[in-house]
C-alpha atoms as a PDB file:
ATOM      1  CA  MET A   1     -63.794 -43.708 -12.551  1.00  0.00           C
ATOM      2  CA  SER A   2     -66.940 -44.352 -14.492  1.00  0.00           C
ATOM      3  CA  ALA A   3     -65.452 -45.778 -17.681  1.00  0.00           C
ATOM      4  CA  ASN A   4     -65.643 -49.527 -18.135  1.00  0.00           C
ATOM      5  CA  ILE A   5     -62.752 -49.539 -20.602  1.00  0.00           C
ATOM      6  CA  ARG A   6     -59.581 -47.487 -20.258  1.00  0.00           C
ATOM      7  CA  ILE A   7     -56.431 -47.182 -22.340  1.00  0.00           C
ATOM      8  CA  GLY A   8     -52.873 -46.295 -21.348  1.00  0.00           C
ATOM      9  CA  ASN A   9     -49.550 -45.898 -23.052  1.00  0.00           C
ATOM     10  CA  GLY A  10     -46.011 -46.080 -21.779  1.00  0.00           C
ATOM     11  CA  TYR A  11     -42.542 -45.275 -23.021  1.00  0.00           C
ATOM     12  CA  ASP A  12     -39.146 -46.018 -21.583  1.00  0.00           C
ATOM     13  CA  VAL A  13     -35.561 -45.738 -22.752  1.00  0.00           C
ATOM     14  CA  HIS A  14     -32.263 -46.977 -21.345  1.00  0.00           C
ATOM     15  CA  LEU A  15     -28.697 -46.488 -22.420  1.00  0.00           C
ATOM     16  CA  LEU A  16     -26.688 -49.581 -23.304  1.00  0.00           C
ATOM     17  CA  ALA A  17     -23.234 -50.339 -21.890  1.00  0.00           C
ATOM     18  CA  PRO A  18     -20.813 -53.259 -22.271  1.00  0.00           C
ATOM     19  CA  GLY A  19     -20.840 -56.077 -19.762  1.00  0.00           C
ATOM     20  CA  LEU A  20     -24.397 -55.606 -18.461  1.00  0.00           C
ATOM     21  CA  PRO A  21     -27.258 -58.082 -18.930  1.00  0.00           C
ATOM     22  CA  LEU A  22     -29.854 -57.300 -21.590  1.00  0.00           C
ATOM     23  CA  ILE A  23     -33.260 -58.253 -20.243  1.00  0.00           C
ATOM     24  CA  LEU A  24     -36.351 -57.551 -22.344  1.00  0.00           C
ATOM     25  CA  GLY A  25     -39.852 -58.679 -21.458  1.00  0.00           C
ATOM     26  CA  GLY A  26     -38.458 -60.792 -18.636  1.00  0.00           C
ATOM     27  CA  VAL A  27     -36.099 -62.679 -20.957  1.00  0.00           C
ATOM     28  CA  ASN A  28     -32.309 -62.537 -20.827  1.00  0.00           C
ATOM     29  CA  ILE A  29     -31.095 -61.771 -24.367  1.00  0.00           C
ATOM     30  CA  PRO A  30     -27.483 -62.772 -25.125  1.00  0.00           C
ATOM     31  CA  HIS A  31     -25.539 -59.650 -26.133  1.00  0.00           C
ATOM     32  CA  THR A  32     -22.334 -57.785 -25.359  1.00  0.00           C
ATOM     33  CA  LYS A  33     -24.273 -54.798 -23.980  1.00  0.00           C
ATOM     34  CA  GLY A  34     -27.084 -54.365 -21.514  1.00  0.00           C
ATOM     35  CA  CYS A  35     -29.202 -51.633 -19.991  1.00  0.00           C
ATOM     36  CA  VAL A  36     -27.784 -49.091 -17.577  1.00  0.00           C
ATOM     37  CA  ALA A  37     -30.369 -48.950 -14.799  1.00  0.00           C
ATOM     38  CA  HIS A  38     -31.098 -48.912 -11.075  1.00  0.00           C
ATOM     39  CA  SER A  39     -33.217 -52.080 -11.404  1.00  0.00           C
ATOM     40  CA  ASP A  40     -32.509 -54.953 -13.804  1.00  0.00           C
ATOM     41  CA  GLY A  41     -33.139 -52.465 -16.634  1.00  0.00           C
ATOM     42  CA  ASP A  42     -35.981 -54.334 -18.352  1.00  0.00           C
ATOM     43  CA  VAL A  43     -37.107 -51.417 -20.489  1.00  0.00           C
ATOM     44  CA  ALA A  44     -40.007 -53.435 -21.969  1.00  0.00           C
ATOM     45  CA  ILE A  45     -41.520 -54.157 -18.581  1.00  0.00           C
ATOM     46  CA  HIS A  46     -40.948 -50.555 -17.479  1.00  0.00           C
ATOM     47  CA  ALA A  47     -42.893 -49.254 -20.483  1.00  0.00           C
ATOM     48  CA  LEU A  48     -45.636 -51.813 -19.798  1.00  0.00           C
ATOM     49  CA  CYS A  49     -45.846 -50.697 -16.154  1.00  0.00           C
ATOM     50  CA  ASP A  50     -46.173 -47.065 -17.241  1.00  0.00           C
ATOM     51  CA  ALA A  51     -48.936 -48.009 -19.682  1.00  0.00           C
ATOM     52  CA  LEU A  52     -50.832 -49.910 -16.979  1.00  0.00           C
ATOM     53  CA  LEU A  53     -50.448 -47.046 -14.506  1.00  0.00           C
ATOM     54  CA  GLY A  54     -51.634 -44.618 -17.165  1.00  0.00           C
ATOM     55  CA  THR A  55     -54.942 -46.433 -17.617  1.00  0.00           C
ATOM     56  CA  LEU A  56     -56.091 -45.334 -14.187  1.00  0.00           C
ATOM     57  CA  ALA A  57     -54.082 -42.101 -13.888  1.00  0.00           C
ATOM     58  CA  LEU A  58     -51.845 -43.580 -11.191  1.00  0.00           C
ATOM     59  CA  GLY A  59     -48.681 -41.718 -12.138  1.00  0.00           C
ATOM     60  CA  ASP A  60     -45.597 -43.387 -13.515  1.00  0.00           C
ATOM     61  CA  ILE A  61     -43.183 -46.138 -12.590  1.00  0.00           C
ATOM     62  CA  GLY A  62     -40.691 -43.670 -11.106  1.00  0.00           C
ATOM     63  CA  HIS A  63     -43.334 -42.413  -8.674  1.00  0.00           C
ATOM     64  CA  HIS A  64     -44.112 -45.902  -7.350  1.00  0.00           C
ATOM     65  CA  PHE A  65     -40.636 -47.440  -7.631  1.00  0.00           C
ATOM     66  CA  PRO A  66     -38.100 -44.578  -7.413  1.00  0.00           C
ATOM     67  CA  ASP A  67     -34.545 -45.145  -8.580  1.00  0.00           C
ATOM     68  CA  THR A  68     -33.376 -43.407  -5.425  1.00  0.00           C
ATOM     69  CA  SER A  69     -34.643 -46.270  -3.248  1.00  0.00           C
ATOM     70  CA  ASN A  70     -32.332 -49.106  -2.237  1.00  0.00           C
ATOM     71  CA  GLU A  71     -35.420 -51.348  -2.131  1.00  0.00           C
ATOM     72  CA  PHE A  72     -35.455 -51.362  -5.934  1.00  0.00           C
ATOM     73  CA  LYS A  73     -31.696 -51.606  -6.550  1.00  0.00           C
ATOM     74  CA  GLY A  74     -31.197 -54.510  -8.975  1.00  0.00           C
ATOM     75  CA  ILE A  75     -34.807 -55.679  -8.557  1.00  0.00           C
ATOM     76  CA  ASP A  76     -36.289 -58.096 -11.075  1.00  0.00           C
ATOM     77  CA  SER A  77     -38.701 -55.979 -13.110  1.00  0.00           C
ATOM     78  CA  LYS A  78     -41.215 -58.830 -13.155  1.00  0.00           C
ATOM     79  CA  ILE A  79     -41.771 -58.018  -9.475  1.00  0.00           C
ATOM     80  CA  LEU A  80     -42.446 -54.383 -10.396  1.00  0.00           C
ATOM     81  CA  LEU A  81     -44.906 -55.559 -13.067  1.00  0.00           C
ATOM     82  CA  GLN A  82     -46.779 -57.716 -10.567  1.00  0.00           C
ATOM     83  CA  ARG A  83     -46.961 -54.882  -8.048  1.00  0.00           C
ATOM     84  CA  THR A  84     -48.190 -52.546 -10.776  1.00  0.00           C
ATOM     85  CA  TYR A  85     -50.798 -54.969 -12.053  1.00  0.00           C
ATOM     86  CA  ASN A  86     -52.023 -55.578  -8.501  1.00  0.00           C
ATOM     87  CA  MET A  87     -52.751 -51.821  -8.280  1.00  0.00           C
ATOM     88  CA  ILE A  88     -54.949 -52.174 -11.372  1.00  0.00           C
ATOM     89  CA  LEU A  89     -56.720 -55.279 -10.043  1.00  0.00           C
ATOM     90  CA  GLU A  90     -57.293 -53.655  -6.631  1.00  0.00           C
ATOM     91  CA  ARG A  91     -59.168 -50.849  -8.371  1.00  0.00           C
ATOM     92  CA  GLY A  92     -61.473 -53.305 -10.115  1.00  0.00           C
ATOM     93  CA  TYR A  93     -59.878 -53.529 -13.567  1.00  0.00           C
ATOM     94  CA  ARG A  94     -58.086 -56.242 -15.515  1.00  0.00           C
ATOM     95  CA  LEU A  95     -55.889 -56.285 -18.601  1.00  0.00           C
ATOM     96  CA  VAL A  96     -57.628 -56.880 -21.921  1.00  0.00           C
ATOM     97  CA  ASN A  97     -54.485 -56.701 -24.046  1.00  0.00           C
ATOM     98  CA  ALA A  98     -51.052 -55.139 -24.323  1.00  0.00           C
ATOM     99  CA  ASP A  99     -49.087 -54.112 -27.400  1.00  0.00           C
ATOM    100  CA  ILE A 100     -45.340 -53.599 -26.949  1.00  0.00           C
ATOM    101  CA  THR A 101     -42.862 -52.300 -29.542  1.00  0.00           C
ATOM    102  CA  ILE A 102     -39.117 -52.599 -28.903  1.00  0.00           C
ATOM    103  CA  LEU A 103     -36.757 -50.270 -30.791  1.00  0.00           C
ATOM    104  CA  LEU A 104     -33.284 -51.795 -30.841  1.00  0.00           C
ATOM    105  CA  GLN A 105     -30.647 -51.921 -33.566  1.00  0.00           C
ATOM    106  CA  ARG A 106     -28.855 -55.020 -32.289  1.00  0.00           C
ATOM    107  CA  PRO A 107     -29.257 -57.772 -31.330  1.00  0.00           C
ATOM    108  CA  LYS A 108     -32.243 -59.028 -33.268  1.00  0.00           C
ATOM    109  CA  VAL A 109     -34.869 -60.017 -30.728  1.00  0.00           C
ATOM    110  CA  ALA A 110     -37.320 -61.818 -33.027  1.00  0.00           C
ATOM    111  CA  PRO A 111     -36.126 -65.252 -31.801  1.00  0.00           C
ATOM    112  CA  PHE A 112     -37.096 -64.246 -28.235  1.00  0.00           C
ATOM    113  CA  ILE A 113     -40.518 -62.686 -28.837  1.00  0.00           C
ATOM    114  CA  GLU A 114     -42.584 -65.802 -28.100  1.00  0.00           C
ATOM    115  CA  LYS A 115     -40.688 -66.335 -24.844  1.00  0.00           C
ATOM    116  CA  MET A 116     -41.301 -62.687 -23.892  1.00  0.00           C
ATOM    117  CA  ARG A 117     -45.027 -63.092 -24.559  1.00  0.00           C
ATOM    118  CA  GLU A 118     -45.116 -66.256 -22.430  1.00  0.00           C
ATOM    119  CA  THR A 119     -43.091 -64.701 -19.609  1.00  0.00           C
ATOM    120  CA  LEU A 120     -45.209 -61.543 -19.482  1.00  0.00           C
ATOM    121  CA  SER A 121     -48.519 -63.419 -19.564  1.00  0.00           C
ATOM    122  CA  GLU A 122     -47.339 -65.844 -16.853  1.00  0.00           C
ATOM    123  CA  THR A 123     -46.093 -62.959 -14.705  1.00  0.00           C
ATOM    124  CA  LEU A 124     -49.410 -61.121 -14.982  1.00  0.00           C
ATOM    125  CA  SER A 125     -51.460 -64.296 -14.419  1.00  0.00           C
ATOM    126  CA  LYS A 126     -49.786 -64.857 -11.047  1.00  0.00           C
ATOM    127  CA  CYS A 127     -51.542 -61.732  -9.748  1.00  0.00           C
ATOM    128  CA  ASN A 128     -55.065 -63.093 -10.026  1.00  0.00           C
ATOM    129  CA  LYS A 129     -55.971 -66.675 -10.908  1.00  0.00           C
ATOM    130  CA  ASP A 130     -59.576 -65.618 -11.645  1.00  0.00           C
ATOM    131  CA  TYR A 131     -58.420 -63.384 -14.496  1.00  0.00           C
ATOM    132  CA  PRO A 132     -55.475 -65.144 -16.140  1.00  0.00           C
ATOM    133  CA  CYS A 133     -53.594 -63.387 -18.895  1.00  0.00           C
ATOM    134  CA  SER A 134     -53.127 -65.390 -22.063  1.00  0.00           C
ATOM    135  CA  LYS A 135     -50.106 -65.172 -24.348  1.00  0.00           C
ATOM    136  CA  GLU A 136     -52.609 -64.097 -27.003  1.00  0.00           C
ATOM    137  CA  ASP A 137     -53.318 -60.994 -24.905  1.00  0.00           C
ATOM    138  CA  ILE A 138     -49.695 -59.824 -25.214  1.00  0.00           C
ATOM    139  CA  SER A 139     -48.224 -58.532 -28.464  1.00  0.00           C
ATOM    140  CA  VAL A 140     -44.477 -57.923 -28.721  1.00  0.00           C
ATOM    141  CA  LYS A 141     -42.908 -56.460 -31.839  1.00  0.00           C
ATOM    142  CA  ALA A 142     -39.382 -55.306 -32.560  1.00  0.00           C
ATOM    143  CA  THR A 143     -37.911 -52.870 -35.035  1.00  0.00           C
ATOM    144  CA  THR A 144     -34.686 -51.025 -35.705  1.00  0.00           C
ATOM    145  CA  THR A 145     -34.270 -47.347 -36.442  1.00  0.00           C
ATOM    146  CA  GLU A 146     -32.370 -48.072 -39.669  1.00  0.00           C
ATOM    147  CA  LYS A 147     -29.157 -47.001 -37.908  1.00  0.00           C
ATOM    148  CA  ALA A 148     -30.559 -43.534 -37.132  1.00  0.00           C
ATOM    149  CA  GLY A 149     -30.102 -41.798 -33.782  1.00  0.00           C
ATOM    150  CA  PHE A 150     -28.856 -43.177 -30.483  1.00  0.00           C
ATOM    151  CA  ILE A 151     -30.705 -46.447 -31.037  1.00  0.00           C
ATOM    152  CA  GLY A 152     -29.213 -46.862 -34.494  1.00  0.00           C
ATOM    153  CA  ARG A 153     -25.747 -46.185 -33.088  1.00  0.00           C
ATOM    154  CA  GLU A 154     -26.426 -49.001 -30.562  1.00  0.00           C
ATOM    155  CA  GLU A 155     -26.210 -46.606 -27.625  1.00  0.00           C
ATOM    156  CA  GLY A 156     -29.684 -47.359 -26.271  1.00  0.00           C
ATOM    157  CA  VAL A 157     -33.002 -49.130 -26.493  1.00  0.00           C
ATOM    158  CA  ALA A 158     -36.525 -47.693 -26.341  1.00  0.00           C
ATOM    159  CA  VAL A 159     -39.914 -49.328 -25.883  1.00  0.00           C
ATOM    160  CA  TYR A 160     -43.484 -48.176 -26.456  1.00  0.00           C
ATOM    161  CA  ALA A 161     -46.391 -49.982 -24.798  1.00  0.00           C
ATOM    162  CA  SER A 162     -50.140 -49.577 -25.092  1.00  0.00           C
ATOM    163  CA  VAL A 163     -52.681 -51.391 -22.952  1.00  0.00           C
ATOM    164  CA  LEU A 164     -56.417 -51.707 -22.658  1.00  0.00           C
ATOM    165  CA  VAL A 165     -58.057 -52.546 -19.349  1.00  0.00           C
ATOM    166  CA  GLU A 166     -61.703 -53.240 -18.528  1.00  0.00           C
ATOM    167  CA  ARG A 167     -63.729 -53.093 -15.358  1.00  0.00           C
ATOM    168  CA  ILE A 168     -64.056 -56.512 -13.738  1.00  0.00           C
END
């Protein structure tokens, strides 16, 4: 890998079902529905992991943390994010910034965005104290689909993530 700067993007989607927790960006969002998943279902962190893995052509989250493994059953996705980011750091790169877009009809997540940014930056910073991640390095946005499609019908949630990494 000769490039000093690399970009990656990630996408993830989960169905929503009653009675499950809704966790986005490491934050528990009060709602009547949550993500159907093998792990804790944090679709925002899953998309971020895929984006990070994409920067260095390391495959996808399912390759590293398969949903067929009992090791990852119910796991806190912040742990998956730390393991993913450690792969990036071990290869001599660090995060420059991340941009995350959540597509969800309900509930409104705007009141939780700052907490998501803090949680994600703190989670990433635990991986390497020499290269801390600031809240200003993490962008989180949310939008609806104007009631169109499975997201608009409140059947699921999708997240896009883009990241930039640089050689340390």
